[in-house]
Amino acid sequence: MIDTWRDAEAAPAPDRTARVRRYSPYEVIRVNLFVDGDSYTGIARASYEAAGRLAYSLLLWPRPDRSPSGWYWYDPARMRRRIYPDAGIRP
């Protein structure tokens, strides 16, 4: 049996009232996470906040066409995030 304690928690897609922040190609946020026991590197395409939590829309690698890309709640205990300094984004 695979340990799932470290797996990222999927987040729902934002509703119409959510304020979604979309990132440009120059605003790079990389997130390392586990989904279904497999390790992925994600690039954030967008984010929103709900109930005091931050969700990222992540394009997951190594195979974006086959990886479970989508919305995930950010959890610093389960994920590692890197915001590139030249991006001009506050953590």
Protein backbone atom coordinates (compact mmCIF):
# COMPACT_ATOMS: atom_id res chain seq x y z
CA MET A 1 0.00 0.00 0.00
CA ILE A 2 1.29 3.45 -0.93
CA ASP A 3 1.53 6.15 1.73
CA THR A 4 -0.85 8.91 0.72
CA TRP A 5 -0.19 11.29 3.64
CA ARG A 6 2.07 13.38 1.44
CA ASP A 7 -0.23 13.52 -1.59
CA ALA A 8 -1.48 16.96 -2.57
CA GLU A 9 -5.14 17.71 -1.96
CA ALA A 10 -7.15 18.49 -5.09
CA ALA A 11 -9.01 21.80 -5.02
CA PRO A 12 -12.24 22.60 -6.84
CA ALA A 13 -12.14 24.87 -9.86
CA PRO A 14 -12.88 28.46 -8.80
CA ASP A 15 -16.47 29.62 -8.93
CA ARG A 16 -17.59 32.78 -10.76
CA THR A 17 -17.12 34.97 -7.69
CA ALA A 18 -13.52 33.90 -7.03
CA ARG A 19 -10.77 36.33 -7.92
CA VAL A 20 -8.40 34.31 -10.10
CA ARG A 21 -4.82 35.47 -10.57
CA ARG A 22 -3.39 34.33 -13.90
CA TYR A 23 0.38 34.22 -14.32
CA SER A 24 2.32 35.37 -17.37
CA PRO A 25 5.22 33.37 -18.83
CA TYR A 26 7.54 35.73 -16.93
CA GLU A 27 5.94 35.00 -13.54
CA VAL A 28 7.26 31.56 -12.69
CA ILE A 29 6.15 29.63 -9.63
CA ARG A 30 7.38 26.05 -9.44
CA VAL A 31 5.77 23.57 -7.05
CA ASN A 32 7.04 20.06 -6.29
CA LEU A 33 4.32 17.70 -5.09
CA PHE A 34 3.06 14.13 -4.95
CA VAL A 35 -0.19 12.92 -6.53
CA ASP A 36 -1.29 9.29 -6.10
CA GLY A 37 2.16 8.48 -4.74
CA ASP A 38 4.02 9.81 -7.80
CA SER A 39 6.36 12.82 -7.73
CA TYR A 40 5.65 15.76 -10.03
CA THR A 41 6.96 19.24 -10.71
CA GLY A 42 4.21 21.74 -11.40
CA ILE A 43 4.24 25.18 -12.97
CA ALA A 44 1.50 27.48 -11.68
CA ARG A 45 -0.80 28.88 -14.36
CA ALA A 46 -3.23 30.61 -11.99
CA SER A 47 -4.26 30.84 -8.35
CA TYR A 48 -7.19 31.83 -6.15
CA GLU A 49 -7.91 32.09 -2.44
CA ALA A 50 -10.93 30.61 -0.68
CA ALA A 51 -11.61 30.14 3.02
CA GLY A 52 -8.08 31.31 3.87
CA ARG A 53 -6.45 28.72 1.60
CA LEU A 54 -4.48 29.19 -1.62
CA ALA A 55 -5.14 26.99 -4.64
CA TYR A 56 -2.90 26.74 -7.70
CA SER A 57 -3.77 25.56 -11.17
CA LEU A 58 -0.72 23.41 -11.91
CA LEU A 59 0.58 22.02 -15.17
CA LEU A 60 2.40 18.88 -14.00
CA TRP A 61 5.54 17.36 -15.48
CA PRO A 62 7.17 15.07 -16.65
CA ARG A 63 4.26 14.27 -19.01
CA PRO A 64 1.75 17.16 -19.07
CA ASP A 65 -0.43 15.25 -21.55
CA ARG A 66 -0.74 12.30 -19.13
CA SER A 67 -0.15 13.90 -15.73
CA PRO A 68 -3.02 14.83 -13.37
CA SER A 69 -2.75 18.59 -13.98
CA GLY A 70 -5.40 20.71 -12.31
CA TRP A 71 -6.24 22.70 -9.17
CA TYR A 72 -4.45 21.81 -5.91
CA TRP A 73 -4.53 23.42 -2.47
CA TYR A 74 -1.12 24.73 -1.49
CA ASP A 75 0.19 23.02 1.66
CA PRO A 76 3.76 23.84 2.72
CA ALA A 77 3.94 20.59 4.72
CA ARG A 78 3.35 18.51 1.59
CA MET A 79 4.77 20.71 -1.17
CA ARG A 80 7.87 22.69 -1.97
CA ARG A 81 7.31 26.01 -3.73
CA ARG A 82 9.86 28.21 -5.45
CA ILE A 83 8.97 31.69 -6.64
CA TYR A 84 11.67 32.95 -8.94
CA PRO A 85 13.00 36.32 -7.71
CA ASP A 86 12.81 38.06 -11.07
CA ALA A 87 9.11 37.26 -11.36
CA GLY A 88 8.07 40.17 -9.13
CA ILE A 89 5.56 38.01 -7.24
CA ARG A 90 5.16 38.17 -3.47
CA PRO A 91 5.11 34.77 -1.71
